[in-house]
Amino acid sequence: MIKITSILTQITEKVFPMKNVDEAKAFITEFIADKEINDYDKANMLRAVRECKNMSAINRYLCNALLKYEGLSIK
């Protein structure tokens, strides 16, 4: 059985342990760049990551993105 992991889950597994904001931004940008994601969503994700000033902001954004894009938000 193959376990399929979402792109955001893959990103969070790598980024959450990171301490350097620039390293995290570079990883996220590179990871998202070559994935098949809706262009509008991809642009929004990359913009949001660029605007993050520290690791706390990146982690918060990733948690919120998981809720939004993985259908886990409350309607």
PDB file of N, CA and C in Angstrom:
ATOM      1  N   MET A   1       0.841  -1.182   0.000  1.00  0.00           N
ATOM      2  CA  MET A   1       0.000   0.000   0.000  1.00  0.00           C
ATOM      3  C   MET A   1       0.887   1.247   0.000  1.00  0.00           C
ATOM      4  N   ILE A   2       0.608   2.182  -0.878  1.00  0.00           N
ATOM      5  CA  ILE A   2       1.371   3.413  -0.989  1.00  0.00           C
ATOM      6  C   ILE A   2       0.670   4.500  -0.186  1.00  0.00           C
ATOM      7  N   LYS A   3       1.428   5.158   0.670  1.00  0.00           N
ATOM      8  CA  LYS A   3       0.870   6.262   1.444  1.00  0.00           C
ATOM      9  C   LYS A   3       1.137   7.561   0.688  1.00  0.00           C
ATOM     10  N   ILE A   4       0.085   8.272   0.344  1.00  0.00           N
ATOM     11  CA  ILE A   4       0.208   9.540  -0.367  1.00  0.00           C
ATOM     12  C   ILE A   4       0.217  10.666   0.671  1.00  0.00           C
ATOM     13  N   THR A   5       1.239  11.502   0.584  1.00  0.00           N
ATOM     14  CA  THR A   5       1.372  12.616   1.516  1.00  0.00           C
ATOM     15  C   THR A   5       1.228  13.915   0.743  1.00  0.00           C
ATOM     16  N   SER A   6       0.446  14.826   1.271  1.00  0.00           N
ATOM     17  CA  SER A   6       0.224  16.094   0.584  1.00  0.00           C
ATOM     18  C   SER A   6       1.517  16.908   0.535  1.00  0.00           C
ATOM     19  N   ILE A   7       1.553  17.842  -0.384  1.00  0.00           N
ATOM     20  CA  ILE A   7       2.703  18.723  -0.541  1.00  0.00           C
ATOM     21  C   ILE A   7       2.933  19.529   0.731  1.00  0.00           C
ATOM     22  N   LEU A   8       1.865  20.057   1.307  1.00  0.00           N
ATOM     23  CA  LEU A   8       2.019  20.858   2.527  1.00  0.00           C
ATOM     24  C   LEU A   8       2.520  20.016   3.692  1.00  0.00           C
ATOM     25  N   THR A   9       2.066  18.794   3.796  1.00  0.00           N
ATOM     26  CA  THR A   9       2.546  17.913   4.862  1.00  0.00           C
ATOM     27  C   THR A   9       4.027  17.626   4.671  1.00  0.00           C
ATOM     28  N   GLN A  10       4.434  17.397   3.445  1.00  0.00           N
ATOM     29  CA  GLN A  10       5.852  17.162   3.164  1.00  0.00           C
ATOM     30  C   GLN A  10       6.691  18.376   3.548  1.00  0.00           C
ATOM     31  N   ILE A  11       6.180  19.551   3.254  1.00  0.00           N
ATOM     32  CA  ILE A  11       6.899  20.786   3.588  1.00  0.00           C
ATOM     33  C   ILE A  11       7.006  20.945   5.100  1.00  0.00           C
ATOM     34  N   THR A  12       5.901  20.774   5.804  1.00  0.00           N
ATOM     35  CA  THR A  12       5.927  20.987   7.253  1.00  0.00           C
ATOM     36  C   THR A  12       6.864  20.022   7.948  1.00  0.00           C
ATOM     37  N   GLU A  13       6.944  18.798   7.470  1.00  0.00           N
ATOM     38  CA  GLU A  13       7.848  17.820   8.084  1.00  0.00           C
ATOM     39  C   GLU A  13       9.300  18.283   8.020  1.00  0.00           C
ATOM     40  N   LYS A  14       9.665  18.995   6.972  1.00  0.00           N
ATOM     41  CA  LYS A  14      11.037  19.494   6.812  1.00  0.00           C
ATOM     42  C   LYS A  14      11.247  20.856   7.466  1.00  0.00           C
ATOM     43  N   VAL A  15      10.237  21.723   7.388  1.00  0.00           N
ATOM     44  CA  VAL A  15      10.403  23.110   7.834  1.00  0.00           C
ATOM     45  C   VAL A  15      10.250  23.280   9.345  1.00  0.00           C
ATOM     46  N   PHE A  16       9.316  22.573   9.971  1.00  0.00           N
ATOM     47  CA  PHE A  16       9.091  22.767  11.408  1.00  0.00           C
ATOM     48  C   PHE A  16      10.368  22.637  12.245  1.00  0.00           C
ATOM     49  N   PRO A  17      11.261  21.691  11.959  1.00  0.00           N
ATOM     50  CA  PRO A  17      12.493  21.612  12.763  1.00  0.00           C
ATOM     51  C   PRO A  17      13.536  22.698  12.434  1.00  0.00           C
ATOM     52  N   MET A  18      13.366  23.393  11.327  1.00  0.00           N
ATOM     53  CA  MET A  18      14.343  24.401  10.923  1.00  0.00           C
ATOM     54  C   MET A  18      14.363  25.582  11.881  1.00  0.00           C
ATOM     55  N   LYS A  19      15.521  26.206  12.018  1.00  0.00           N
ATOM     56  CA  LYS A  19      15.683  27.375  12.890  1.00  0.00           C
ATOM     57  C   LYS A  19      15.929  28.660  12.103  1.00  0.00           C
ATOM     58  N   ASN A  20      16.393  28.535  10.854  1.00  0.00           N
ATOM     59  CA  ASN A  20      16.773  29.685  10.049  1.00  0.00           C
ATOM     60  C   ASN A  20      15.658  30.048   9.071  1.00  0.00           C
ATOM     61  N   VAL A  21      15.145  31.263   9.176  1.00  0.00           N
ATOM     62  CA  VAL A  21      14.020  31.699   8.357  1.00  0.00           C
ATOM     63  C   VAL A  21      14.377  31.730   6.863  1.00  0.00           C
ATOM     64  N   ASP A  22      15.578  32.156   6.527  1.00  0.00           N
ATOM     65  CA  ASP A  22      15.974  32.221   5.113  1.00  0.00           C
ATOM     66  C   ASP A  22      16.098  30.820   4.514  1.00  0.00           C
ATOM     67  N   GLU A  23      16.614  29.892   5.291  1.00  0.00           N
ATOM     68  CA  GLU A  23      16.723  28.505   4.843  1.00  0.00           C
ATOM     69  C   GLU A  23      15.321  27.916   4.618  1.00  0.00           C
ATOM     70  N   ALA A  24      14.411  28.192   5.527  1.00  0.00           N
ATOM     71  CA  ALA A  24      13.041  27.692   5.402  1.00  0.00           C
ATOM     72  C   ALA A  24      12.356  28.281   4.170  1.00  0.00           C
ATOM     73  N   LYS A  25      12.504  29.582   3.965  1.00  0.00           N
ATOM     74  CA  LYS A  25      11.898  30.233   2.793  1.00  0.00           C
ATOM     75  C   LYS A  25      12.449  29.644   1.497  1.00  0.00           C
ATOM     76  N   ALA A  26      13.754  29.450   1.444  1.00  0.00           N
ATOM     77  CA  ALA A  26      14.379  28.882   0.242  1.00  0.00           C
ATOM     78  C   ALA A  26      13.870  27.471  -0.016  1.00  0.00           C
ATOM     79  N   PHE A  27      13.779  26.666   1.037  1.00  0.00           N
ATOM     80  CA  PHE A  27      13.295  25.291   0.884  1.00  0.00           C
ATOM     81  C   PHE A  27      11.852  25.287   0.363  1.00  0.00           C
ATOM     82  N   ILE A  28      10.998  26.083   0.978  1.00  0.00           N
ATOM     83  CA  ILE A  28       9.587  26.127   0.580  1.00  0.00           C
ATOM     84  C   ILE A  28       9.453  26.599  -0.862  1.00  0.00           C
ATOM     85  N   THR A  29      10.151  27.668  -1.203  1.00  0.00           N
ATOM     86  CA  THR A  29      10.087  28.214  -2.565  1.00  0.00           C
ATOM     87  C   THR A  29      10.530  27.183  -3.589  1.00  0.00           C
ATOM     88  N   GLU A  30      11.642  26.527  -3.333  1.00  0.00           N
ATOM     89  CA  GLU A  30      12.160  25.518  -4.262  1.00  0.00           C
ATOM     90  C   GLU A  30      11.217  24.318  -4.353  1.00  0.00           C
ATOM     91  N   PHE A  31      10.704  23.895  -3.211  1.00  0.00           N
ATOM     92  CA  PHE A  31       9.825  22.728  -3.176  1.00  0.00           C
ATOM     93  C   PHE A  31       8.539  22.980  -3.947  1.00  0.00           C
ATOM     94  N   ILE A  32       7.948  24.141  -3.750  1.00  0.00           N
ATOM     95  CA  ILE A  32       6.675  24.472  -4.399  1.00  0.00           C
ATOM     96  C   ILE A  32       6.857  24.753  -5.889  1.00  0.00           C
ATOM     97  N   ALA A  33       7.987  25.308  -6.274  1.00  0.00           N
ATOM     98  CA  ALA A  33       8.212  25.754  -7.654  1.00  0.00           C
ATOM     99  C   ALA A  33       7.963  24.668  -8.687  1.00  0.00           C
ATOM    100  N   ASP A  34       8.405  23.442  -8.415  1.00  0.00           N
ATOM    101  CA  ASP A  34       8.255  22.415  -9.436  1.00  0.00           C
ATOM    102  C   ASP A  34       7.105  21.447  -9.175  1.00  0.00           C
ATOM    103  N   LYS A  35       6.201  21.806  -8.291  1.00  0.00           N
ATOM    104  CA  LYS A  35       5.042  20.950  -8.035  1.00  0.00           C
ATOM    105  C   LYS A  35       3.858  21.407  -8.877  1.00  0.00           C
ATOM    106  N   GLU A  36       2.984  20.470  -9.176  1.00  0.00           N
ATOM    107  CA  GLU A  36       1.786  20.791  -9.947  1.00  0.00           C
ATOM    108  C   GLU A  36       0.708  21.299  -9.002  1.00  0.00           C
ATOM    109  N   ILE A  37       0.758  22.592  -8.779  1.00  0.00           N
ATOM    110  CA  ILE A  37      -0.214  23.279  -7.937  1.00  0.00           C
ATOM    111  C   ILE A  37      -0.866  24.343  -8.804  1.00  0.00           C
ATOM    112  N   ASN A  38      -2.118  24.570  -8.598  1.00  0.00           N
ATOM    113  CA  ASN A  38      -2.845  25.638  -9.277  1.00  0.00           C
ATOM    114  C   ASN A  38      -1.989  26.911  -9.227  1.00  0.00           C
ATOM    115  N   ASP A  39      -1.793  27.565 -10.363  1.00  0.00           N
ATOM    116  CA  ASP A  39      -0.924  28.752 -10.441  1.00  0.00           C
ATOM    117  C   ASP A  39      -1.337  29.857  -9.475  1.00  0.00           C
ATOM    118  N   TYR A  40      -2.626  30.063  -9.318  1.00  0.00           N
ATOM    119  CA  TYR A  40      -3.120  31.095  -8.399  1.00  0.00           C
ATOM    120  C   TYR A  40      -2.730  30.758  -6.957  1.00  0.00           C
ATOM    121  N   ASP A  41      -2.975  29.509  -6.558  1.00  0.00           N
ATOM    122  CA  ASP A  41      -2.618  29.081  -5.198  1.00  0.00           C
ATOM    123  C   ASP A  41      -1.113  29.112  -4.990  1.00  0.00           C
ATOM    124  N   LYS A  42      -0.365  28.680  -5.989  1.00  0.00           N
ATOM    125  CA  LYS A  42       1.095  28.681  -5.888  1.00  0.00           C
ATOM    126  C   LYS A  42       1.618  30.102  -5.677  1.00  0.00           C
ATOM    127  N   ALA A  43       1.105  31.047  -6.451  1.00  0.00           N
ATOM    128  CA  ALA A  43       1.533  32.445  -6.319  1.00  0.00           C
ATOM    129  C   ALA A  43       1.188  32.987  -4.933  1.00  0.00           C
ATOM    130  N   ASN A  44      -0.002  32.665  -4.439  1.00  0.00           N
ATOM    131  CA  ASN A  44      -0.404  33.112  -3.098  1.00  0.00           C
ATOM    132  C   ASN A  44       0.486  32.514  -2.024  1.00  0.00           C
ATOM    133  N   MET A  45       0.803  31.247  -2.162  1.00  0.00           N
ATOM    134  CA  MET A  45       1.658  30.578  -1.174  1.00  0.00           C
ATOM    135  C   MET A  45       3.054  31.195  -1.165  1.00  0.00           C
ATOM    136  N   LEU A  46       3.611  31.407  -2.328  1.00  0.00           N
ATOM    137  CA  LEU A  46       4.955  31.978  -2.417  1.00  0.00           C
ATOM    138  C   LEU A  46       4.988  33.409  -1.888  1.00  0.00           C
ATOM    139  N   ARG A  47       3.948  34.191  -2.180  1.00  0.00           N
ATOM    140  CA  ARG A  47       3.864  35.555  -1.660  1.00  0.00           C
ATOM    141  C   ARG A  47       3.787  35.540  -0.136  1.00  0.00           C
ATOM    142  N   ALA A  48       2.957  34.679   0.396  1.00  0.00           N
ATOM    143  CA  ALA A  48       2.787  34.600   1.851  1.00  0.00           C
ATOM    144  C   ALA A  48       4.091  34.207   2.536  1.00  0.00           C
ATOM    145  N   VAL A  49       4.808  33.280   1.961  1.00  0.00           N
ATOM    146  CA  VAL A  49       6.087  32.847   2.546  1.00  0.00           C
ATOM    147  C   VAL A  49       7.103  33.986   2.488  1.00  0.00           C
ATOM    148  N   ARG A  50       7.157  34.700   1.376  1.00  0.00           N
ATOM    149  CA  ARG A  50       8.088  35.830   1.250  1.00  0.00           C
ATOM    150  C   ARG A  50       7.840  36.881   2.331  1.00  0.00           C
ATOM    151  N   GLU A  51       6.579  37.079   2.695  1.00  0.00           N
ATOM    152  CA  GLU A  51       6.216  38.105   3.671  1.00  0.00           C
ATOM    153  C   GLU A  51       6.505  37.704   5.123  1.00  0.00           C
ATOM    154  N   CYS A  52       6.766  36.439   5.369  1.00  0.00           N
ATOM    155  CA  CYS A  52       7.048  35.980   6.736  1.00  0.00           C
ATOM    156  C   CYS A  52       8.398  36.522   7.199  1.00  0.00           C
ATOM    157  N   LYS A  53       8.411  37.060   8.400  1.00  0.00           N
ATOM    158  CA  LYS A  53       9.627  37.703   8.929  1.00  0.00           C
ATOM    159  C   LYS A  53      10.439  36.797   9.850  1.00  0.00           C
ATOM    160  N   ASN A  54       9.830  35.724  10.358  1.00  0.00           N
ATOM    161  CA  ASN A  54      10.544  34.837  11.281  1.00  0.00           C
ATOM    162  C   ASN A  54       9.963  33.424  11.186  1.00  0.00           C
ATOM    163  N   MET A  55      10.567  32.486  11.903  1.00  0.00           N
ATOM    164  CA  MET A  55      10.130  31.095  11.835  1.00  0.00           C
ATOM    165  C   MET A  55       8.732  30.914  12.416  1.00  0.00           C
ATOM    166  N   SER A  56       8.411  31.680  13.423  1.00  0.00           N
ATOM    167  CA  SER A  56       7.074  31.590  14.003  1.00  0.00           C
ATOM    168  C   SER A  56       6.016  31.935  12.959  1.00  0.00           C
ATOM    169  N   ALA A  57       6.266  32.967  12.171  1.00  0.00           N
ATOM    170  CA  ALA A  57       5.325  33.374  11.121  1.00  0.00           C
ATOM    171  C   ALA A  57       5.221  32.301  10.035  1.00  0.00           C
ATOM    172  N   ILE A  58       6.337  31.702   9.674  1.00  0.00           N
ATOM    173  CA  ILE A  58       6.315  30.635   8.660  1.00  0.00           C
ATOM    174  C   ILE A  58       5.521  29.439   9.181  1.00  0.00           C
ATOM    175  N   ASN A  59       5.790  29.030  10.407  1.00  0.00           N
ATOM    176  CA  ASN A  59       5.078  27.887  10.974  1.00  0.00           C
ATOM    177  C   ASN A  59       3.585  28.161  11.089  1.00  0.00           C
ATOM    178  N   ARG A  60       3.226  29.365  11.482  1.00  0.00           N
ATOM    179  CA  ARG A  60       1.812  29.746  11.581  1.00  0.00           C
ATOM    180  C   ARG A  60       1.163  29.703  10.195  1.00  0.00           C
ATOM    181  N   TYR A  61       1.861  30.254   9.192  1.00  0.00           N
ATOM    182  CA  TYR A  61       1.328  30.230   7.835  1.00  0.00           C
ATOM    183  C   TYR A  61       1.116  28.789   7.363  1.00  0.00           C
ATOM    184  N   LEU A  62       2.105  27.930   7.588  1.00  0.00           N
ATOM    185  CA  LEU A  62       1.987  26.535   7.145  1.00  0.00           C
ATOM    186  C   LEU A  62       0.813  25.829   7.829  1.00  0.00           C
ATOM    187  N   CYS A  63       0.631  26.078   9.115  1.00  0.00           N
ATOM    188  CA  CYS A  63      -0.511  25.477   9.825  1.00  0.00           C
ATOM    189  C   CYS A  63      -1.829  25.975   9.231  1.00  0.00           C
ATOM    190  N   ASN A  64      -1.917  27.263   8.984  1.00  0.00           N
ATOM    191  CA  ASN A  64      -3.140  27.826   8.393  1.00  0.00           C
ATOM    192  C   ASN A  64      -3.355  27.313   6.971  1.00  0.00           C
ATOM    193  N   ALA A  65      -2.273  27.157   6.208  1.00  0.00           N
ATOM    194  CA  ALA A  65      -2.385  26.642   4.845  1.00  0.00           C
ATOM    195  C   ALA A  65      -2.868  25.197   4.854  1.00  0.00           C
ATOM    196  N   LEU A  66      -2.381  24.411   5.799  1.00  0.00           N
ATOM    197  CA  LEU A  66      -2.870  23.039   5.916  1.00  0.00           C
ATOM    198  C   LEU A  66      -4.369  23.027   6.159  1.00  0.00           C
ATOM    199  N   LEU A  67      -4.817  23.899   7.040  1.00  0.00           N
ATOM    200  CA  LEU A  67      -6.247  23.965   7.324  1.00  0.00           C
ATOM    201  C   LEU A  67      -7.043  24.382   6.082  1.00  0.00           C
ATOM    202  N   LYS A  68      -6.528  25.370   5.370  1.00  0.00           N
ATOM    203  CA  LYS A  68      -7.246  25.886   4.203  1.00  0.00           C
ATOM    204  C   LYS A  68      -7.216  24.908   3.027  1.00  0.00           C
ATOM    205  N   TYR A  69      -6.022  24.481   2.627  1.00  0.00           N
ATOM    206  CA  TYR A  69      -5.882  23.706   1.391  1.00  0.00           C
ATOM    207  C   TYR A  69      -6.148  22.213   1.555  1.00  0.00           C
ATOM    208  N   GLU A  70      -6.096  21.728   2.789  1.00  0.00           N
ATOM    209  CA  GLU A  70      -6.351  20.302   3.003  1.00  0.00           C
ATOM    210  C   GLU A  70      -7.797  20.045   3.418  1.00  0.00           C
ATOM    211  N   GLY A  71      -8.608  21.106   3.420  1.00  0.00           N
ATOM    212  CA  GLY A  71     -10.015  20.946   3.737  1.00  0.00           C
ATOM    213  C   GLY A  71     -10.275  20.668   5.208  1.00  0.00           C
ATOM    214  N   LEU A  72      -9.390  21.125   6.073  1.00  0.00           N
ATOM    215  CA  LEU A  72      -9.539  20.863   7.494  1.00  0.00           C
ATOM    216  C   LEU A  72     -10.145  22.045   8.251  1.00  0.00           C
ATOM    217  N   SER A  73     -10.448  23.105   7.543  1.00  0.00           N
ATOM    218  CA  SER A  73     -10.992  24.286   8.228  1.00  0.00           C
ATOM    219  C   SER A  73     -12.460  24.078   8.581  1.00  0.00           C
ATOM    220  N   ILE A  74     -12.900  24.857   9.541  1.00  0.00           N
ATOM    221  CA  ILE A  74     -14.293  24.824   9.952  1.00  0.00           C
ATOM    222  C   ILE A  74     -15.078  25.718   9.020  1.00  0.00           C
ATOM    223  N   LYS A  75     -16.185  25.249   8.519  1.00  0.00           N
ATOM    224  CA  LYS A  75     -16.970  26.032   7.558  1.00  0.00           C
ATOM    225  C   LYS A  75     -18.060  26.792   8.226  1.00  0.00           C
TER     226      LYS A  75
END
